[in-house]
Amino acid sequence: MTDKPLAGKTILISGGSRGIGLAIALRAARDGANIALLAKTDTPHPKLEGTVHSAAEQIRDAGGQALPIVGDVRNDDDITEAVLKAQGEFGGIDIVVNNASVIDLSRSLDLEAKKYDLMQDVNVRGTFMLSRAAVPILKDAPNPHILSLSPPLNLSPKWLGGHTGYTLAKYGMTMATLGLAAEFAKDGIAANTLWPRTTIATAAVQFALGGDRMMKVSRTPEVYADAAYEIFTKPARDYTGQTLIVEDVLEAAGVTDFSGYAAVPGTPDSELFPDIFLD
């Protein structure tokens, strides 16, 4: 394996204008990867930093090629356009990252119907449709991967009942991914999921979970990105159909010290906040 195994590889990411998706893109860009971003954020958000265009600039600055695509993963035409544009610009697609996701931890009686529908449309349907649209092109890639940022299927009542609408949406992402892994194993396409043991310091955590206090007891998005990078470089025919945990992937790669990933330097691992869905 070369010291830059993702050089020249093309990664199609849903979302990615900020947070974990952008961190994954930047890690791959350091190898010289091509990154196609399908994201809605065309103009700056009043509360959230970053647009698909500013993300593309960062990717280029990191050493990669960038193709910003303004679109919505809920729209089938936008998905088709993104897949065709990525193929047309870079000659193929090697990796699909299902990063786009909506979070709402409301209890069932408090969850608005339109928010339930939004989570199903983005998280589950978006993951399935974007992956499916890319499969014919992935079949031609030498080491094709699909990676969904979703948790293992933990059927504990604690997680099933804690926020049923959101749990259904995230588990739906995982089930779609595992289904694709089984269906396309014969074609050599890997499909896995990835989830962290601790919360990650992103805008979603800050605004939807616990504000600045939660950010201070989280890890940086780079821990997710480094784990994703390890997955992308594994042989697709052998490394598929798994619900992977970020820290487990990194430990298997030889990482023994996670202190550098603390959002607030010096925070002991024991003080970091555990993410949901993991016992």
C-alpha atoms as a PDB file:
ATOM      1  CA  MET A   1       0.000   0.000   0.000  1.00  0.00           C
ATOM      2  CA  THR A   2       1.260   3.473  -0.838  1.00  0.00           C
ATOM      3  CA  ASP A   3       1.554   6.178   1.781  1.00  0.00           C
ATOM      4  CA  LYS A   4      -1.406   7.905   0.104  1.00  0.00           C
ATOM      5  CA  PRO A   5      -3.848   5.105  -0.715  1.00  0.00           C
ATOM      6  CA  LEU A   6      -6.730   7.462  -1.516  1.00  0.00           C
ATOM      7  CA  ALA A   7      -4.800   9.489  -4.094  1.00  0.00           C
ATOM      8  CA  GLY A   8      -6.982   9.853  -7.169  1.00  0.00           C
ATOM      9  CA  LYS A   9      -9.931   8.079  -5.538  1.00  0.00           C
ATOM     10  CA  THR A  10     -13.350   9.724  -5.827  1.00  0.00           C
ATOM     11  CA  ILE A  11     -15.586  10.065  -2.778  1.00  0.00           C
ATOM     12  CA  LEU A  12     -19.219  11.180  -2.992  1.00  0.00           C
ATOM     13  CA  ILE A  13     -20.469  12.548   0.330  1.00  0.00           C
ATOM     14  CA  SER A  14     -23.992  13.613   1.246  1.00  0.00           C
ATOM     15  CA  GLY A  15     -23.835  16.728   3.379  1.00  0.00           C
ATOM     16  CA  GLY A  16     -20.255  17.573   4.170  1.00  0.00           C
ATOM     17  CA  SER A  17     -20.346  21.356   4.277  1.00  0.00           C
ATOM     18  CA  ARG A  18     -19.306  21.177   7.938  1.00  0.00           C
ATOM     19  CA  GLY A  19     -18.744  18.822  10.856  1.00  0.00           C
ATOM     20  CA  ILE A  20     -18.011  15.121  10.475  1.00  0.00           C
ATOM     21  CA  GLY A  21     -18.641  14.986   6.734  1.00  0.00           C
ATOM     22  CA  LEU A  22     -16.182  17.804   6.088  1.00  0.00           C
ATOM     23  CA  ALA A  23     -13.612  16.219   8.411  1.00  0.00           C
ATOM     24  CA  ILE A  24     -13.843  12.951   6.451  1.00  0.00           C
ATOM     25  CA  ALA A  25     -13.444  14.875   3.212  1.00  0.00           C
ATOM     26  CA  LEU A  26     -10.403  16.775   4.465  1.00  0.00           C
ATOM     27  CA  ARG A  27      -8.692  13.603   5.694  1.00  0.00           C
ATOM     28  CA  ALA A  28      -9.111  12.022   2.259  1.00  0.00           C
ATOM     29  CA  ALA A  29      -8.064  15.256   0.555  1.00  0.00           C
ATOM     30  CA  ARG A  30      -4.671  15.056   2.259  1.00  0.00           C
ATOM     31  CA  ASP A  31      -4.050  11.969   0.113  1.00  0.00           C
ATOM     32  CA  GLY A  32      -5.093  13.849  -3.016  1.00  0.00           C
ATOM     33  CA  ALA A  33      -8.593  12.370  -3.263  1.00  0.00           C
ATOM     34  CA  ASN A  34     -11.415  13.796  -5.349  1.00  0.00           C
ATOM     35  CA  ILE A  35     -14.381  14.859  -3.234  1.00  0.00           C
ATOM     36  CA  ALA A  36     -17.896  15.448  -4.574  1.00  0.00           C
ATOM     37  CA  LEU A  37     -20.142  17.094  -1.991  1.00  0.00           C
ATOM     38  CA  LEU A  38     -23.929  16.917  -2.319  1.00  0.00           C
ATOM     39  CA  ALA A  39     -25.207  19.484   0.176  1.00  0.00           C
ATOM     40  CA  LYS A  40     -28.026  21.994   0.531  1.00  0.00           C
ATOM     41  CA  THR A  41     -26.039  24.833   2.085  1.00  0.00           C
ATOM     42  CA  ASP A  42     -25.465  27.164  -0.856  1.00  0.00           C
ATOM     43  CA  THR A  43     -25.426  30.359   1.205  1.00  0.00           C
ATOM     44  CA  PRO A  44     -24.263  30.939   4.797  1.00  0.00           C
ATOM     45  CA  HIS A  45     -26.628  29.838   7.576  1.00  0.00           C
ATOM     46  CA  PRO A  46     -27.253  32.416  10.310  1.00  0.00           C
ATOM     47  CA  LYS A  47     -26.240  29.969  13.054  1.00  0.00           C
ATOM     48  CA  LEU A  48     -24.077  27.370  11.333  1.00  0.00           C
ATOM     49  CA  GLU A  49     -20.687  27.932   9.754  1.00  0.00           C
ATOM     50  CA  GLY A  50     -19.812  26.671   6.307  1.00  0.00           C
ATOM     51  CA  THR A  51     -21.357  26.207   2.886  1.00  0.00           C
ATOM     52  CA  VAL A  52     -20.746  23.607   0.216  1.00  0.00           C
ATOM     53  CA  HIS A  53     -18.530  26.213  -1.500  1.00  0.00           C
ATOM     54  CA  SER A  54     -16.397  27.034   1.551  1.00  0.00           C
ATOM     55  CA  ALA A  55     -16.017  23.304   2.183  1.00  0.00           C
ATOM     56  CA  ALA A  56     -14.769  22.846  -1.384  1.00  0.00           C
ATOM     57  CA  GLU A  57     -12.163  25.568  -0.803  1.00  0.00           C
ATOM     58  CA  GLN A  58     -10.913  23.795   2.314  1.00  0.00           C
ATOM     59  CA  ILE A  59     -10.711  20.497   0.439  1.00  0.00           C
ATOM     60  CA  ARG A  60      -8.593  22.082  -2.289  1.00  0.00           C
ATOM     61  CA  ASP A  61      -6.372  23.743   0.295  1.00  0.00           C
ATOM     62  CA  ALA A  62      -5.848  20.323   1.925  1.00  0.00           C
ATOM     63  CA  GLY A  63      -4.593  18.864  -1.363  1.00  0.00           C
ATOM     64  CA  GLY A  64      -7.701  17.336  -2.897  1.00  0.00           C
ATOM     65  CA  GLN A  65      -9.963  18.064  -5.840  1.00  0.00           C
ATOM     66  CA  ALA A  66     -13.451  19.298  -4.995  1.00  0.00           C
ATOM     67  CA  LEU A  67     -16.797  19.289  -6.771  1.00  0.00           C
ATOM     68  CA  PRO A  68     -19.453  21.188  -4.818  1.00  0.00           C
ATOM     69  CA  ILE A  69     -22.983  20.159  -5.817  1.00  0.00           C
ATOM     70  CA  VAL A  70     -25.919  22.090  -4.407  1.00  0.00           C
ATOM     71  CA  GLY A  71     -28.740  19.637  -3.917  1.00  0.00           C
ATOM     72  CA  ASP A  72     -30.968  17.756  -1.528  1.00  0.00           C
ATOM     73  CA  VAL A  73     -30.568  14.046  -0.807  1.00  0.00           C
ATOM     74  CA  ARG A  74     -34.380  13.872  -0.573  1.00  0.00           C
ATOM     75  CA  ASN A  75     -34.667  14.785  -4.259  1.00  0.00           C
ATOM     76  CA  ASP A  76     -34.151  11.915  -6.700  1.00  0.00           C
ATOM     77  CA  ASP A  77     -33.144  14.254  -9.524  1.00  0.00           C
ATOM     78  CA  ASP A  78     -30.495  15.841  -7.302  1.00  0.00           C
ATOM     79  CA  ILE A  79     -29.140  12.411  -6.414  1.00  0.00           C
ATOM     80  CA  THR A  80     -28.937  11.374 -10.059  1.00  0.00           C
ATOM     81  CA  GLU A  81     -27.268  14.649 -10.967  1.00  0.00           C
ATOM     82  CA  ALA A  82     -24.707  14.285  -8.179  1.00  0.00           C
ATOM     83  CA  VAL A  83     -23.774  10.761  -9.194  1.00  0.00           C
ATOM     84  CA  LEU A  84     -23.467  11.671 -12.883  1.00  0.00           C
ATOM     85  CA  LYS A  85     -21.522  14.852 -12.141  1.00  0.00           C
ATOM     86  CA  ALA A  86     -19.067  12.990  -9.909  1.00  0.00           C
ATOM     87  CA  GLN A  87     -18.571  10.340 -12.580  1.00  0.00           C
ATOM     88  CA  GLY A  88     -18.262  12.915 -15.327  1.00  0.00           C
ATOM     89  CA  GLU A  89     -15.820  15.126 -13.455  1.00  0.00           C
ATOM     90  CA  PHE A  90     -13.576  12.436 -12.007  1.00  0.00           C
ATOM     91  CA  GLY A  91     -14.194   9.373 -14.199  1.00  0.00           C
ATOM     92  CA  GLY A  92     -15.911   7.213 -11.607  1.00  0.00           C
ATOM     93  CA  ILE A  93     -16.879   6.831  -7.962  1.00  0.00           C
ATOM     94  CA  ASP A  94     -14.911   4.757  -5.463  1.00  0.00           C
ATOM     95  CA  ILE A  95     -16.593   5.580  -2.171  1.00  0.00           C
ATOM     96  CA  VAL A  96     -20.020   6.807  -1.049  1.00  0.00           C
ATOM     97  CA  VAL A  97     -20.411   8.343   2.405  1.00  0.00           C
ATOM     98  CA  ASN A  98     -23.946   8.669   3.749  1.00  0.00           C
ATOM     99  CA  ASN A  99     -23.321  11.564   6.099  1.00  0.00           C
ATOM    100  CA  ALA A 100     -26.482  13.649   5.684  1.00  0.00           C
ATOM    101  CA  SER A 101     -28.702  13.136   8.710  1.00  0.00           C
ATOM    102  CA  VAL A 102     -31.396  14.885  10.727  1.00  0.00           C
ATOM    103  CA  ILE A 103     -31.624  14.587  14.500  1.00  0.00           C
ATOM    104  CA  ASP A 104     -34.594  15.179  16.786  1.00  0.00           C
ATOM    105  CA  LEU A 105     -34.636  13.436  20.147  1.00  0.00           C
ATOM    106  CA  SER A 106     -38.223  14.400  20.960  1.00  0.00           C
ATOM    107  CA  ARG A 107     -40.392  11.845  22.683  1.00  0.00           C
ATOM    108  CA  SER A 108     -43.091  10.285  20.503  1.00  0.00           C
ATOM    109  CA  LEU A 109     -45.963  12.512  21.663  1.00  0.00           C
ATOM    110  CA  ASP A 110     -43.862  15.633  21.169  1.00  0.00           C
ATOM    111  CA  LEU A 111     -42.342  14.794  17.789  1.00  0.00           C
ATOM    112  CA  GLU A 112     -43.955  16.734  14.955  1.00  0.00           C
ATOM    113  CA  ALA A 113     -45.132  14.601  12.044  1.00  0.00           C
ATOM    114  CA  LYS A 114     -43.183  16.688   9.558  1.00  0.00           C
ATOM    115  CA  LYS A 115     -39.987  16.168  11.573  1.00  0.00           C
ATOM    116  CA  TYR A 116     -40.605  12.414  11.665  1.00  0.00           C
ATOM    117  CA  ASP A 117     -41.017  12.472   7.887  1.00  0.00           C
ATOM    118  CA  LEU A 118     -37.894  14.598   7.463  1.00  0.00           C
ATOM    119  CA  MET A 119     -35.761  12.146   9.439  1.00  0.00           C
ATOM    120  CA  GLN A 120     -37.112   9.217   7.434  1.00  0.00           C
ATOM    121  CA  ASP A 121     -36.579  11.033   4.134  1.00  0.00           C
ATOM    122  CA  VAL A 122     -33.017  12.194   4.804  1.00  0.00           C
ATOM    123  CA  ASN A 123     -31.649   9.448   6.994  1.00  0.00           C
ATOM    124  CA  VAL A 124     -33.243   6.294   5.597  1.00  0.00           C
ATOM    125  CA  ARG A 125     -34.471   7.078   2.109  1.00  0.00           C
ATOM    126  CA  GLY A 126     -31.515   9.340   1.333  1.00  0.00           C
ATOM    127  CA  THR A 127     -29.027   6.675   2.382  1.00  0.00           C
ATOM    128  CA  PHE A 128     -30.742   4.016   0.299  1.00  0.00           C
ATOM    129  CA  MET A 129     -31.305   6.147  -2.806  1.00  0.00           C
ATOM    130  CA  LEU A 130     -27.848   7.717  -2.958  1.00  0.00           C
ATOM    131  CA  SER A 131     -26.147   4.364  -2.415  1.00  0.00           C
ATOM    132  CA  ARG A 132     -28.375   2.639  -4.969  1.00  0.00           C
ATOM    133  CA  ALA A 133     -27.763   5.320  -7.585  1.00  0.00           C
ATOM    134  CA  ALA A 134     -24.006   4.915  -7.210  1.00  0.00           C
ATOM    135  CA  VAL A 135     -23.900   1.095  -7.236  1.00  0.00           C
ATOM    136  CA  PRO A 136     -23.607   0.685 -11.037  1.00  0.00           C
ATOM    137  CA  ILE A 137     -20.543   2.954 -10.984  1.00  0.00           C
ATOM    138  CA  LEU A 138     -19.104   1.481  -7.784  1.00  0.00           C
ATOM    139  CA  LYS A 139     -19.114  -1.933  -9.473  1.00  0.00           C
ATOM    140  CA  ASP A 140     -16.360  -0.665 -11.780  1.00  0.00           C
ATOM    141  CA  ALA A 141     -14.174   0.660  -8.945  1.00  0.00           C
ATOM    142  CA  PRO A 142     -11.199  -1.444  -7.802  1.00  0.00           C
ATOM    143  CA  ASN A 143     -12.021  -1.161  -4.081  1.00  0.00           C
ATOM    144  CA  PRO A 144     -15.554   0.260  -3.677  1.00  0.00           C
ATOM    145  CA  HIS A 145     -16.968   1.222  -0.291  1.00  0.00           C
ATOM    146  CA  ILE A 146     -20.271   2.524   1.049  1.00  0.00           C
ATOM    147  CA  LEU A 147     -20.070   3.990   4.541  1.00  0.00           C
ATOM    148  CA  SER A 148     -23.105   5.179   6.510  1.00  0.00           C
ATOM    149  CA  LEU A 149     -22.708   7.195   9.689  1.00  0.00           C
ATOM    150  CA  SER A 150     -25.204   5.252  11.761  1.00  0.00           C
ATOM    151  CA  PRO A 151     -25.179   3.030  14.867  1.00  0.00           C
ATOM    152  CA  PRO A 152     -25.274  -0.693  15.530  1.00  0.00           C
ATOM    153  CA  LEU A 153     -28.737  -2.192  15.972  1.00  0.00           C
ATOM    154  CA  ASN A 154     -29.131  -2.174  19.734  1.00  0.00           C
ATOM    155  CA  LEU A 155     -32.592  -3.484  20.592  1.00  0.00           C
ATOM    156  CA  SER A 156     -32.422  -2.504  24.248  1.00  0.00           C
ATOM    157  CA  PRO A 157     -35.682  -0.823  25.378  1.00  0.00           C
ATOM    158  CA  LYS A 158     -33.521   2.057  26.611  1.00  0.00           C
ATOM    159  CA  TRP A 159     -32.685   3.037  23.055  1.00  0.00           C
ATOM    160  CA  LEU A 160     -35.830   1.835  21.303  1.00  0.00           C
ATOM    161  CA  GLY A 161     -38.017   3.878  23.646  1.00  0.00           C
ATOM    162  CA  GLY A 162     -35.826   6.834  24.410  1.00  0.00           C
ATOM    163  CA  HIS A 163     -36.576   8.721  21.183  1.00  0.00           C
ATOM    164  CA  THR A 164     -38.456   6.295  18.985  1.00  0.00           C
ATOM    165  CA  GLY A 165     -38.711   8.496  15.893  1.00  0.00           C
ATOM    166  CA  TYR A 166     -34.990   9.211  15.741  1.00  0.00           C
ATOM    167  CA  THR A 167     -34.082   5.627  16.623  1.00  0.00           C
ATOM    168  CA  LEU A 168     -36.168   4.355  13.712  1.00  0.00           C
ATOM    169  CA  ALA A 169     -34.421   6.749  11.343  1.00  0.00           C
ATOM    170  CA  LYS A 170     -30.880   5.897  12.423  1.00  0.00           C
ATOM    171  CA  TYR A 171     -31.519   2.167  12.608  1.00  0.00           C
ATOM    172  CA  GLY A 172     -33.107   2.444   9.169  1.00  0.00           C
ATOM    173  CA  MET A 173     -29.827   3.814   7.829  1.00  0.00           C
ATOM    174  CA  THR A 174     -28.006   0.859   9.319  1.00  0.00           C
ATOM    175  CA  MET A 175     -30.478  -1.714   8.000  1.00  0.00           C
ATOM    176  CA  ALA A 176     -30.315  -0.235   4.510  1.00  0.00           C
ATOM    177  CA  THR A 177     -26.536  -0.385   4.597  1.00  0.00           C
ATOM    178  CA  LEU A 178     -26.371  -3.956   5.864  1.00  0.00           C
ATOM    179  CA  GLY A 179     -28.894  -4.939   3.217  1.00  0.00           C
ATOM    180  CA  LEU A 180     -26.758  -3.413   0.488  1.00  0.00           C
ATOM    181  CA  ALA A 181     -23.712  -5.207   1.899  1.00  0.00           C
ATOM    182  CA  ALA A 182     -25.464  -8.559   1.545  1.00  0.00           C
ATOM    183  CA  GLU A 183     -27.001  -7.802  -1.826  1.00  0.00           C
ATOM    184  CA  PHE A 184     -23.831  -6.579  -3.515  1.00  0.00           C
ATOM    185  CA  ALA A 185     -21.210  -8.697  -1.768  1.00  0.00           C
ATOM    186  CA  LYS A 186     -20.806 -10.730  -4.950  1.00  0.00           C
ATOM    187  CA  ASP A 187     -19.894  -7.518  -6.772  1.00  0.00           C
ATOM    188  CA  GLY A 188     -17.166  -6.714  -4.262  1.00  0.00           C
ATOM    189  CA  ILE A 189     -18.864  -3.585  -2.906  1.00  0.00           C
ATOM    190  CA  ALA A 190     -18.291  -3.093   0.815  1.00  0.00           C
ATOM    191  CA  ALA A 191     -21.027  -1.473   2.879  1.00  0.00           C
ATOM    192  CA  ASN A 192     -20.470  -0.703   6.549  1.00  0.00           C
ATOM    193  CA  THR A 193     -21.697   1.675   9.236  1.00  0.00           C
ATOM    194  CA  LEU A 194     -19.629   3.715  11.667  1.00  0.00           C
ATOM    195  CA  TRP A 195     -20.568   5.213  15.042  1.00  0.00           C
ATOM    196  CA  PRO A 196     -18.565   6.798  17.894  1.00  0.00           C
ATOM    197  CA  ARG A 197     -18.373   5.845  21.563  1.00  0.00           C
ATOM    198  CA  THR A 198     -18.451   9.499  22.616  1.00  0.00           C
ATOM    199  CA  THR A 199     -20.350  12.507  21.386  1.00  0.00           C
ATOM    200  CA  ILE A 200     -18.619  14.481  18.636  1.00  0.00           C
ATOM    201  CA  ALA A 201     -18.170  18.251  18.804  1.00  0.00           C
ATOM    202  CA  THR A 202     -20.357  19.342  15.895  1.00  0.00           C
ATOM    203  CA  ALA A 203     -23.063  21.928  15.368  1.00  0.00           C
ATOM    204  CA  ALA A 204     -25.679  19.176  15.655  1.00  0.00           C
ATOM    205  CA  VAL A 205     -24.440  18.306  19.136  1.00  0.00           C
ATOM    206  CA  GLN A 206     -24.279  21.945  20.141  1.00  0.00           C
ATOM    207  CA  PHE A 207     -27.745  22.908  18.962  1.00  0.00           C
ATOM    208  CA  ALA A 208     -29.697  19.666  19.339  1.00  0.00           C
ATOM    209  CA  LEU A 209     -28.154  17.909  22.315  1.00  0.00           C
ATOM    210  CA  GLY A 210     -26.391  19.922  24.952  1.00  0.00           C
ATOM    211  CA  GLY A 211     -24.931  23.265  23.922  1.00  0.00           C
ATOM    212  CA  ASP A 212     -21.451  24.370  24.875  1.00  0.00           C
ATOM    213  CA  ARG A 213     -21.364  22.063  27.904  1.00  0.00           C
ATOM    214  CA  MET A 214     -21.770  19.012  25.666  1.00  0.00           C
ATOM    215  CA  MET A 215     -19.174  20.305  23.219  1.00  0.00           C
ATOM    216  CA  LYS A 216     -16.579  20.450  25.979  1.00  0.00           C
ATOM    217  CA  VAL A 217     -16.977  16.762  26.847  1.00  0.00           C
ATOM    218  CA  SER A 218     -16.894  15.493  23.254  1.00  0.00           C
ATOM    219  CA  ARG A 219     -14.224  14.388  20.805  1.00  0.00           C
ATOM    220  CA  THR A 220     -13.385  16.280  17.627  1.00  0.00           C
ATOM    221  CA  PRO A 221     -14.733  15.195  14.221  1.00  0.00           C
ATOM    222  CA  GLU A 222     -11.196  14.155  13.311  1.00  0.00           C
ATOM    223  CA  VAL A 223     -11.561  10.952  15.328  1.00  0.00           C
ATOM    224  CA  TYR A 224     -14.462   9.965  13.065  1.00  0.00           C
ATOM    225  CA  ALA A 225     -12.512  10.991   9.976  1.00  0.00           C
ATOM    226  CA  ASP A 226      -9.446   8.951  10.883  1.00  0.00           C
ATOM    227  CA  ALA A 227     -11.598   5.869  11.477  1.00  0.00           C
ATOM    228  CA  ALA A 228     -13.409   6.357   8.164  1.00  0.00           C
ATOM    229  CA  TYR A 229     -10.042   6.644   6.433  1.00  0.00           C
ATOM    230  CA  GLU A 230      -8.994   3.281   7.874  1.00  0.00           C
ATOM    231  CA  ILE A 231     -12.188   1.708   6.536  1.00  0.00           C
ATOM    232  CA  PHE A 232     -11.752   3.154   3.047  1.00  0.00           C
ATOM    233  CA  THR A 233      -8.314   1.593   2.771  1.00  0.00           C
ATOM    234  CA  LYS A 234      -9.468  -1.920   3.722  1.00  0.00           C
ATOM    235  CA  PRO A 235     -10.099  -4.557   1.006  1.00  0.00           C
ATOM    236  CA  ALA A 236     -13.775  -4.192   0.138  1.00  0.00           C
ATOM    237  CA  ARG A 237     -14.463  -7.877  -0.527  1.00  0.00           C
ATOM    238  CA  ASP A 238     -13.334  -8.850   2.965  1.00  0.00           C
ATOM    239  CA  TYR A 239     -14.342  -5.839   5.080  1.00  0.00           C
ATOM    240  CA  THR A 240     -18.078  -5.478   4.711  1.00  0.00           C
ATOM    241  CA  GLY A 241     -21.423  -5.929   6.438  1.00  0.00           C
ATOM    242  CA  GLN A 242     -20.191  -4.581   9.766  1.00  0.00           C
ATOM    243  CA  THR A 243     -21.543  -2.069  12.263  1.00  0.00           C
ATOM    244  CA  LEU A 244     -18.230  -0.544  13.263  1.00  0.00           C
ATOM    245  CA  ILE A 245     -17.308   1.627  16.234  1.00  0.00           C
ATOM    246  CA  VAL A 246     -14.911   4.526  15.667  1.00  0.00           C
ATOM    247  CA  GLU A 247     -12.594   3.757  18.564  1.00  0.00           C
ATOM    248  CA  ASP A 248     -12.503   0.026  17.800  1.00  0.00           C
ATOM    249  CA  VAL A 249     -11.433   0.722  14.228  1.00  0.00           C
ATOM    250  CA  LEU A 250      -8.648   3.023  15.381  1.00  0.00           C
ATOM    251  CA  GLU A 251      -7.479   0.644  18.099  1.00  0.00           C
ATOM    252  CA  ALA A 252      -7.251  -2.117  15.500  1.00  0.00           C
ATOM    253  CA  ALA A 253      -5.086   0.243  13.462  1.00  0.00           C
ATOM    254  CA  GLY A 254      -2.715   0.707  16.394  1.00  0.00           C
ATOM    255  CA  VAL A 255      -4.049   3.865  18.052  1.00  0.00           C
ATOM    256  CA  THR A 256      -3.610   3.641  21.818  1.00  0.00           C
ATOM    257  CA  ASP A 257      -3.838   7.296  22.857  1.00  0.00           C
ATOM    258  CA  PHE A 258      -7.058   9.198  22.108  1.00  0.00           C
ATOM    259  CA  SER A 259      -6.212  12.285  24.146  1.00  0.00           C
ATOM    260  CA  GLY A 260      -5.425  14.297  21.025  1.00  0.00           C
ATOM    261  CA  TYR A 261      -9.041  13.977  19.906  1.00  0.00           C
ATOM    262  CA  ALA A 262     -10.518  15.722  22.963  1.00  0.00           C
ATOM    263  CA  ALA A 263     -12.420  18.849  21.937  1.00  0.00           C
ATOM    264  CA  VAL A 264     -10.985  20.521  25.014  1.00  0.00           C
ATOM    265  CA  PRO A 265      -7.321  19.507  25.310  1.00  0.00           C
ATOM    266  CA  GLY A 266      -6.537  17.744  28.541  1.00  0.00           C
ATOM    267  CA  THR A 267     -10.038  16.358  29.114  1.00  0.00           C
ATOM    268  CA  PRO A 268      -9.621  12.782  30.406  1.00  0.00           C
ATOM    269  CA  ASP A 269     -11.350  10.048  28.444  1.00  0.00           C
ATOM    270  CA  SER A 270     -13.323   9.187  31.582  1.00  0.00           C
ATOM    271  CA  GLU A 271     -14.997  12.604  31.503  1.00  0.00           C
ATOM    272  CA  LEU A 272     -16.149  12.428  27.878  1.00  0.00           C
ATOM    273  CA  PHE A 273     -19.876  12.054  27.280  1.00  0.00           C
ATOM    274  CA  PRO A 274     -20.945   8.671  25.862  1.00  0.00           C
ATOM    275  CA  ASP A 275     -22.884   8.746  22.609  1.00  0.00           C
ATOM    276  CA  ILE A 276     -26.347   7.224  22.332  1.00  0.00           C
ATOM    277  CA  PHE A 277     -27.211   3.694  21.161  1.00  0.00           C
ATOM    278  CA  LEU A 278     -24.158   2.144  22.843  1.00  0.00           C
ATOM    279  CA  ASP A 279     -24.432   0.408  26.214  1.00  0.00           C
END
